[in-house]
Amino acid sequence: MRYANVFFDLDGTITEPVQGITNAIIYALEKYDIKVEDRSSLYKFIGPPLRASFKEFYGFTEEQSEEAVKHYREYYSDRGLIENEIMPGMKEALIKLKESGCHLYVATSKPEEYAKKILENLGIAEYFDIIAGATFDNTRDKKELVIEYLLDISGIKTSGMMSQTVMVGDRYFDILGAKAFGLDNIGVTFGYGTREEFIECGAMQIVDTAEELVEYILD
C-alpha cells in the first residue's frame, strides 16, 4: 500500500453534515435577528473553526463570536449531532482500508467530543484508531493544531512513519495543515471544496470519489 496511516477530516469528507451545521448556525444567528434567506450561503461554515467564521462572514466581534458559538452549541449538542449522514461510498472505503491493514484516524476542527458521538451514532467509530478533534475552548481549534496533537498522541511523529502518513480532506485548510508538517495530502472533491481550491493550495493529489481515494491509498 502507498500509506499505512490515513488521517481523515470529518465534515465533508467522512460525513455529510450540512443539515445539522446549518440548522445550528441559523439558530445562533436568530439570536442576533439575522435571517438566512438561502441555506446554501452557510455552506462556507462547514469545516473552518466557528469563531473565525462568525467574525469573517458576519463581522462579529471576538465577544460576539464567542457568544454565537455558545448559541450554536445549544442546538448542535442536542439535535445537530444526529443530523449527519455518511458520505457516499465512505463506509465501504473505511472497511476496505481497514481490512487492507491501514491505520485510520480522524483529525477534525470539530470538538472531539462531538466527533466521537457523531461517528458512534453512525456506527463507524470502530474503524478509527484515534478520533482527534478540537477543544471546546480556543486552545486547539485550527487544523494544524489538531494534526500536531494527533501526530503526538499516535506516536507517528517519533516512530519514523511520517512518510507513510497522509491527510485526506475536502478543504484547503486540510491541505495546508498537512503541509505544515510535511505530510502527504489528498483533496476530495465530493465534499465542500473544489478542484480549483486544491490546485491553488498545492494539494499533492485530488480525487473525485471514495472509490478513487481507496485505489490511490492502496496503490
C-alpha atoms as a PDB file:
ATOM      1  CA  MET A   1       0.000   0.000   0.000  1.00  0.00           C
ATOM      2  CA  ARG A   2       1.070   3.599  -0.542  1.00  0.00           C
ATOM      3  CA  TYR A   3       0.198   4.726   3.029  1.00  0.00           C
ATOM      4  CA  ALA A   4      -0.023   2.864   6.342  1.00  0.00           C
ATOM      5  CA  ASN A   5      -1.649   5.727   8.273  1.00  0.00           C
ATOM      6  CA  VAL A   6      -4.570   7.773   6.995  1.00  0.00           C
ATOM      7  CA  PHE A   7      -5.771  10.957   8.707  1.00  0.00           C
ATOM      8  CA  PHE A   8      -9.327  11.928   7.754  1.00  0.00           C
ATOM      9  CA  ASP A   9     -11.113  15.221   8.079  1.00  0.00           C
ATOM     10  CA  LEU A  10     -14.686  14.689   9.318  1.00  0.00           C
ATOM     11  CA  ASP A  11     -17.216  17.171   7.902  1.00  0.00           C
ATOM     12  CA  GLY A  12     -17.487  16.899   4.133  1.00  0.00           C
ATOM     13  CA  THR A  13     -15.028  14.006   3.975  1.00  0.00           C
ATOM     14  CA  ILE A  14     -16.413  11.198   6.119  1.00  0.00           C
ATOM     15  CA  THR A  15     -19.779  12.733   6.896  1.00  0.00           C
ATOM     16  CA  GLU A  16     -22.390  14.888   5.190  1.00  0.00           C
ATOM     17  CA  PRO A  17     -23.032  17.412   7.989  1.00  0.00           C
ATOM     18  CA  VAL A  18     -24.953  20.133   6.171  1.00  0.00           C
ATOM     19  CA  GLN A  19     -28.326  19.739   7.896  1.00  0.00           C
ATOM     20  CA  GLY A  20     -27.047  19.798  11.470  1.00  0.00           C
ATOM     21  CA  ILE A  21     -24.479  22.552  10.938  1.00  0.00           C
ATOM     22  CA  THR A  22     -26.722  24.932   9.011  1.00  0.00           C
ATOM     23  CA  ASN A  23     -29.622  24.412  11.402  1.00  0.00           C
ATOM     24  CA  ALA A  24     -27.337  25.270  14.321  1.00  0.00           C
ATOM     25  CA  ILE A  25     -25.972  28.369  12.563  1.00  0.00           C
ATOM     26  CA  ILE A  26     -29.493  29.553  11.719  1.00  0.00           C
ATOM     27  CA  TYR A  27     -30.435  29.043  15.376  1.00  0.00           C
ATOM     28  CA  ALA A  28     -27.407  31.086  16.516  1.00  0.00           C
ATOM     29  CA  LEU A  29     -27.936  33.899  14.016  1.00  0.00           C
ATOM     30  CA  GLU A  30     -31.580  34.258  15.019  1.00  0.00           C
ATOM     31  CA  LYS A  31     -30.312  35.399  18.432  1.00  0.00           C
ATOM     32  CA  TYR A  32     -28.967  38.486  16.624  1.00  0.00           C
ATOM     33  CA  ASP A  33     -32.103  38.969  14.500  1.00  0.00           C
ATOM     34  CA  ILE A  34     -30.218  37.801  11.415  1.00  0.00           C
ATOM     35  CA  LYS A  35     -32.426  35.889   8.987  1.00  0.00           C
ATOM     36  CA  VAL A  36     -30.903  33.453   6.498  1.00  0.00           C
ATOM     37  CA  GLU A  37     -32.710  33.512   3.158  1.00  0.00           C
ATOM     38  CA  ASP A  38     -30.547  30.931   1.402  1.00  0.00           C
ATOM     39  CA  ARG A  39     -29.287  27.958   3.421  1.00  0.00           C
ATOM     40  CA  SER A  40     -26.543  27.301   0.866  1.00  0.00           C
ATOM     41  CA  SER A  41     -24.958  30.626   1.839  1.00  0.00           C
ATOM     42  CA  LEU A  42     -23.968  28.914   5.096  1.00  0.00           C
ATOM     43  CA  TYR A  43     -22.033  26.081   3.457  1.00  0.00           C
ATOM     44  CA  LYS A  44     -18.855  28.120   3.871  1.00  0.00           C
ATOM     45  CA  PHE A  45     -19.150  27.482   7.617  1.00  0.00           C
ATOM     46  CA  ILE A  46     -18.554  23.765   7.091  1.00  0.00           C
ATOM     47  CA  GLY A  47     -15.007  22.904   8.090  1.00  0.00           C
ATOM     48  CA  PRO A  48     -13.327  26.066   9.441  1.00  0.00           C
ATOM     49  CA  PRO A  49     -13.312  26.971  13.162  1.00  0.00           C
ATOM     50  CA  LEU A  50     -16.652  28.545  14.075  1.00  0.00           C
ATOM     51  CA  ARG A  51     -15.305  31.577  15.918  1.00  0.00           C
ATOM     52  CA  ALA A  52     -13.292  32.671  12.902  1.00  0.00           C
ATOM     53  CA  SER A  53     -16.240  32.073  10.573  1.00  0.00           C
ATOM     54  CA  PHE A  54     -18.670  34.225  12.548  1.00  0.00           C
ATOM     55  CA  LYS A  55     -16.105  37.026  12.506  1.00  0.00           C
ATOM     56  CA  GLU A  56     -15.248  36.662   8.828  1.00  0.00           C
ATOM     57  CA  PHE A  57     -18.720  36.137   7.379  1.00  0.00           C
ATOM     58  CA  TYR A  58     -20.853  38.302   9.681  1.00  0.00           C
ATOM     59  CA  GLY A  59     -18.384  40.829  11.061  1.00  0.00           C
ATOM     60  CA  PHE A  60     -18.867  39.682  14.651  1.00  0.00           C
ATOM     61  CA  THR A  61     -16.502  40.934  17.337  1.00  0.00           C
ATOM     62  CA  GLU A  62     -14.451  38.490  19.385  1.00  0.00           C
ATOM     63  CA  GLU A  63     -17.034  38.670  22.164  1.00  0.00           C
ATOM     64  CA  GLN A  64     -19.977  38.219  19.793  1.00  0.00           C
ATOM     65  CA  SER A  65     -18.259  35.261  18.100  1.00  0.00           C
ATOM     66  CA  GLU A  66     -17.704  33.553  21.431  1.00  0.00           C
ATOM     67  CA  GLU A  67     -21.350  34.090  22.332  1.00  0.00           C
ATOM     68  CA  ALA A  68     -22.533  32.889  18.901  1.00  0.00           C
ATOM     69  CA  VAL A  69     -20.564  29.662  19.294  1.00  0.00           C
ATOM     70  CA  LYS A  70     -22.358  29.046  22.605  1.00  0.00           C
ATOM     71  CA  HIS A  71     -25.728  29.542  20.904  1.00  0.00           C
ATOM     72  CA  TYR A  72     -24.634  27.219  18.080  1.00  0.00           C
ATOM     73  CA  ARG A  73     -23.742  24.515  20.580  1.00  0.00           C
ATOM     74  CA  GLU A  74     -27.100  24.824  22.348  1.00  0.00           C
ATOM     75  CA  TYR A  75     -28.682  23.463  19.183  1.00  0.00           C
ATOM     76  CA  TYR A  76     -25.875  21.265  17.914  1.00  0.00           C
ATOM     77  CA  SER A  77     -25.206  19.339  21.121  1.00  0.00           C
ATOM     78  CA  ASP A  78     -28.862  18.387  21.372  1.00  0.00           C
ATOM     79  CA  ARG A  79     -30.079  17.968  17.775  1.00  0.00           C
ATOM     80  CA  GLY A  80     -27.359  18.788  15.260  1.00  0.00           C
ATOM     81  CA  LEU A  81     -25.220  15.820  16.260  1.00  0.00           C
ATOM     82  CA  ILE A  82     -27.741  13.366  14.886  1.00  0.00           C
ATOM     83  CA  GLU A  83     -28.415  15.375  11.716  1.00  0.00           C
ATOM     84  CA  ASN A  84     -25.490  13.714   9.944  1.00  0.00           C
ATOM     85  CA  GLU A  85     -25.099  11.106   7.230  1.00  0.00           C
ATOM     86  CA  ILE A  86     -22.142   9.164   5.837  1.00  0.00           C
ATOM     87  CA  MET A  87     -20.705  10.478   2.587  1.00  0.00           C
ATOM     88  CA  PRO A  88     -21.424   8.207  -0.410  1.00  0.00           C
ATOM     89  CA  GLY A  89     -19.034   5.261  -0.518  1.00  0.00           C
ATOM     90  CA  MET A  90     -17.147   6.243   2.632  1.00  0.00           C
ATOM     91  CA  LYS A  91     -18.246   3.385   4.873  1.00  0.00           C
ATOM     92  CA  GLU A  92     -17.162   0.904   2.220  1.00  0.00           C
ATOM     93  CA  ALA A  93     -13.902   2.831   1.823  1.00  0.00           C
ATOM     94  CA  LEU A  94     -13.167   2.665   5.544  1.00  0.00           C
ATOM     95  CA  ILE A  95     -13.876  -1.065   5.636  1.00  0.00           C
ATOM     96  CA  LYS A  96     -11.613  -1.707   2.646  1.00  0.00           C
ATOM     97  CA  LEU A  97      -8.752   0.357   4.039  1.00  0.00           C
ATOM     98  CA  LYS A  98      -9.040  -1.258   7.472  1.00  0.00           C
ATOM     99  CA  GLU A  99      -9.143  -4.764   6.000  1.00  0.00           C
ATOM    100  CA  SER A 100      -6.050  -3.912   3.955  1.00  0.00           C
ATOM    101  CA  GLY A 101      -4.092  -3.094   7.112  1.00  0.00           C
ATOM    102  CA  CYS A 102      -4.270   0.707   7.187  1.00  0.00           C
ATOM    103  CA  HIS A 103      -4.450   2.549  10.489  1.00  0.00           C
ATOM    104  CA  LEU A 104      -7.238   5.120  10.290  1.00  0.00           C
ATOM    105  CA  TYR A 105      -7.515   8.343  12.289  1.00  0.00           C
ATOM    106  CA  VAL A 106      -9.757  11.396  12.433  1.00  0.00           C
ATOM    107  CA  ALA A 107      -8.319  14.926  12.552  1.00  0.00           C
ATOM    108  CA  THR A 108     -11.166  17.434  12.732  1.00  0.00           C
ATOM    109  CA  SER A 109     -11.661  21.053  13.773  1.00  0.00           C
ATOM    110  CA  LYS A 110     -14.973  19.970  15.307  1.00  0.00           C
ATOM    111  CA  PRO A 111     -14.833  19.461  19.094  1.00  0.00           C
ATOM    112  CA  GLU A 112     -13.505  15.995  19.800  1.00  0.00           C
ATOM    113  CA  GLU A 113     -16.467  15.045  21.990  1.00  0.00           C
ATOM    114  CA  TYR A 114     -18.885  15.866  19.152  1.00  0.00           C
ATOM    115  CA  ALA A 115     -16.804  13.966  16.585  1.00  0.00           C
ATOM    116  CA  LYS A 116     -16.825  10.819  18.697  1.00  0.00           C
ATOM    117  CA  LYS A 117     -20.584  10.999  19.260  1.00  0.00           C
ATOM    118  CA  ILE A 118     -21.284  11.546  15.559  1.00  0.00           C
ATOM    119  CA  LEU A 119     -19.155   8.600  14.458  1.00  0.00           C
ATOM    120  CA  GLU A 120     -20.603   6.367  17.175  1.00  0.00           C
ATOM    121  CA  ASN A 121     -24.141   7.333  16.148  1.00  0.00           C
ATOM    122  CA  LEU A 122     -23.335   6.484  12.512  1.00  0.00           C
ATOM    123  CA  GLY A 123     -21.828   3.136  13.571  1.00  0.00           C
ATOM    124  CA  ILE A 124     -18.339   3.763  12.159  1.00  0.00           C
ATOM    125  CA  ALA A 125     -16.299   4.882  15.201  1.00  0.00           C
ATOM    126  CA  GLU A 126     -14.819   1.382  15.450  1.00  0.00           C
ATOM    127  CA  TYR A 127     -12.808   1.826  12.254  1.00  0.00           C
ATOM    128  CA  PHE A 128     -10.582   4.528  13.757  1.00  0.00           C
ATOM    129  CA  ASP A 129      -7.559   4.042  15.992  1.00  0.00           C
ATOM    130  CA  ILE A 130      -7.887   7.584  17.349  1.00  0.00           C
ATOM    131  CA  ILE A 131     -10.529  10.284  16.883  1.00  0.00           C
ATOM    132  CA  ALA A 132      -8.812  13.633  17.434  1.00  0.00           C
ATOM    133  CA  GLY A 133     -10.586  16.971  17.402  1.00  0.00           C
ATOM    134  CA  ALA A 134     -10.692  20.478  18.734  1.00  0.00           C
ATOM    135  CA  THR A 135     -11.177  21.521  22.333  1.00  0.00           C
ATOM    136  CA  PHE A 136     -14.237  23.486  23.448  1.00  0.00           C
ATOM    137  CA  ASP A 137     -12.077  26.469  24.337  1.00  0.00           C
ATOM    138  CA  ASN A 138      -9.787  28.332  21.946  1.00  0.00           C
ATOM    139  CA  THR A 139      -6.656  26.274  22.518  1.00  0.00           C
ATOM    140  CA  ARG A 140      -6.927  23.658  19.745  1.00  0.00           C
ATOM    141  CA  ASP A 141      -9.309  24.705  17.012  1.00  0.00           C
ATOM    142  CA  LYS A 142      -7.112  25.151  13.930  1.00  0.00           C
ATOM    143  CA  LYS A 143      -6.469  22.128  11.724  1.00  0.00           C
ATOM    144  CA  GLU A 144      -2.679  22.256  12.082  1.00  0.00           C
ATOM    145  CA  LEU A 145      -3.034  22.166  15.891  1.00  0.00           C
ATOM    146  CA  VAL A 146      -5.296  19.122  15.676  1.00  0.00           C
ATOM    147  CA  ILE A 147      -2.869  17.376  13.322  1.00  0.00           C
ATOM    148  CA  GLU A 148       0.053  18.160  15.626  1.00  0.00           C
ATOM    149  CA  TYR A 149      -1.909  16.772  18.580  1.00  0.00           C
ATOM    150  CA  LEU A 150      -2.749  13.601  16.652  1.00  0.00           C
ATOM    151  CA  LEU A 151       0.827  13.107  15.498  1.00  0.00           C
ATOM    152  CA  ASP A 152       1.933  13.342  19.124  1.00  0.00           C
ATOM    153  CA  ILE A 153      -0.628  11.035  20.744  1.00  0.00           C
ATOM    154  CA  SER A 154      -0.425   8.439  17.958  1.00  0.00           C
ATOM    155  CA  GLY A 155       3.362   8.244  18.206  1.00  0.00           C
ATOM    156  CA  ILE A 156       3.675   8.690  14.456  1.00  0.00           C
ATOM    157  CA  LYS A 157       5.944  11.715  14.764  1.00  0.00           C
ATOM    158  CA  THR A 158       8.582   9.767  16.692  1.00  0.00           C
ATOM    159  CA  SER A 159       8.152   6.374  15.017  1.00  0.00           C
ATOM    160  CA  GLY A 160       9.617   7.239  11.625  1.00  0.00           C
ATOM    161  CA  MET A 161       6.195   6.804   9.975  1.00  0.00           C
ATOM    162  CA  MET A 162       5.645  10.375   8.774  1.00  0.00           C
ATOM    163  CA  SER A 163       6.384   9.461   5.154  1.00  0.00           C
ATOM    164  CA  GLN A 164       3.772   6.689   5.354  1.00  0.00           C
ATOM    165  CA  THR A 165       1.063   9.030   6.631  1.00  0.00           C
ATOM    166  CA  VAL A 166      -1.411  11.030   4.544  1.00  0.00           C
ATOM    167  CA  MET A 167      -4.060  13.646   5.349  1.00  0.00           C
ATOM    168  CA  VAL A 168      -7.393  13.445   3.499  1.00  0.00           C
ATOM    169  CA  GLY A 169      -9.756  16.411   3.473  1.00  0.00           C
ATOM    170  CA  ASP A 170     -12.264  18.416   1.463  1.00  0.00           C
ATOM    171  CA  ARG A 171     -10.988  21.969   2.056  1.00  0.00           C
ATOM    172  CA  TYR A 172      -7.772  23.922   1.586  1.00  0.00           C
ATOM    173  CA  PHE A 173      -7.037  24.134   5.325  1.00  0.00           C
ATOM    174  CA  ASP A 174      -6.819  20.334   5.482  1.00  0.00           C
ATOM    175  CA  ILE A 175      -4.100  20.508   2.848  1.00  0.00           C
ATOM    176  CA  LEU A 176      -2.283  23.428   4.464  1.00  0.00           C
ATOM    177  CA  GLY A 177      -2.474  21.731   7.863  1.00  0.00           C
ATOM    178  CA  ALA A 178      -0.829  18.627   6.427  1.00  0.00           C
ATOM    179  CA  LYS A 179       1.828  20.642   4.608  1.00  0.00           C
ATOM    180  CA  ALA A 180       2.770  22.373   7.869  1.00  0.00           C
ATOM    181  CA  PHE A 181       4.209  19.033   8.984  1.00  0.00           C
ATOM    182  CA  GLY A 182       5.449  17.818   5.630  1.00  0.00           C
ATOM    183  CA  LEU A 183       2.665  15.246   5.359  1.00  0.00           C
ATOM    184  CA  ASP A 184       1.381  13.966   2.046  1.00  0.00           C
ATOM    185  CA  ASN A 185      -2.167  15.084   1.381  1.00  0.00           C
ATOM    186  CA  ILE A 186      -5.228  14.287  -0.724  1.00  0.00           C
ATOM    187  CA  GLY A 187      -8.069  16.639  -1.544  1.00  0.00           C
ATOM    188  CA  VAL A 188     -11.511  15.122  -2.126  1.00  0.00           C
ATOM    189  CA  THR A 189     -13.960  16.964  -4.380  1.00  0.00           C
ATOM    190  CA  PHE A 190     -17.065  15.174  -3.104  1.00  0.00           C
ATOM    191  CA  GLY A 191     -17.174  17.480  -0.063  1.00  0.00           C
ATOM    192  CA  TYR A 192     -17.301  21.263   0.115  1.00  0.00           C
ATOM    193  CA  GLY A 193     -14.050  22.205  -1.603  1.00  0.00           C
ATOM    194  CA  THR A 194     -13.323  22.480  -5.315  1.00  0.00           C
ATOM    195  CA  ARG A 195     -10.630  21.181  -7.621  1.00  0.00           C
ATOM    196  CA  GLU A 196      -9.541  24.795  -8.214  1.00  0.00           C
ATOM    197  CA  GLU A 197      -9.192  25.317  -4.463  1.00  0.00           C
ATOM    198  CA  PHE A 198      -6.942  22.270  -4.162  1.00  0.00           C
ATOM    199  CA  ILE A 199      -4.804  23.270  -7.119  1.00  0.00           C
ATOM    200  CA  GLU A 200      -4.346  26.746  -5.658  1.00  0.00           C
ATOM    201  CA  CYS A 201      -3.230  25.449  -2.250  1.00  0.00           C
ATOM    202  CA  GLY A 202      -0.927  22.843  -3.781  1.00  0.00           C
ATOM    203  CA  ALA A 203      -2.649  19.572  -2.931  1.00  0.00           C
ATOM    204  CA  MET A 204      -0.499  16.577  -3.851  1.00  0.00           C
ATOM    205  CA  GLN A 205      -3.427  14.527  -5.132  1.00  0.00           C
ATOM    206  CA  ILE A 206      -7.076  15.237  -5.934  1.00  0.00           C
ATOM    207  CA  VAL A 207      -9.756  12.527  -6.110  1.00  0.00           C
ATOM    208  CA  ASP A 208     -13.429  12.696  -7.019  1.00  0.00           C
ATOM    209  CA  THR A 209     -14.896   9.625  -5.299  1.00  0.00           C
ATOM    210  CA  ALA A 210     -14.392   7.436  -2.245  1.00  0.00           C
ATOM    211  CA  GLU A 211     -13.529   4.543  -4.551  1.00  0.00           C
ATOM    212  CA  GLU A 212     -10.810   6.564  -6.249  1.00  0.00           C
ATOM    213  CA  LEU A 213      -9.466   7.549  -2.839  1.00  0.00           C
ATOM    214  CA  VAL A 214      -9.099   3.903  -1.785  1.00  0.00           C
ATOM    215  CA  GLU A 215      -7.404   2.985  -5.049  1.00  0.00           C
ATOM    216  CA  TYR A 216      -4.842   5.748  -4.626  1.00  0.00           C
ATOM    217  CA  ILE A 217      -4.064   4.932  -0.972  1.00  0.00           C
ATOM    218  CA  LEU A 218      -3.666   1.215  -1.636  1.00  0.00           C
ATOM    219  CA  ASP A 219      -1.782   1.539  -4.931  1.00  0.00           C
END
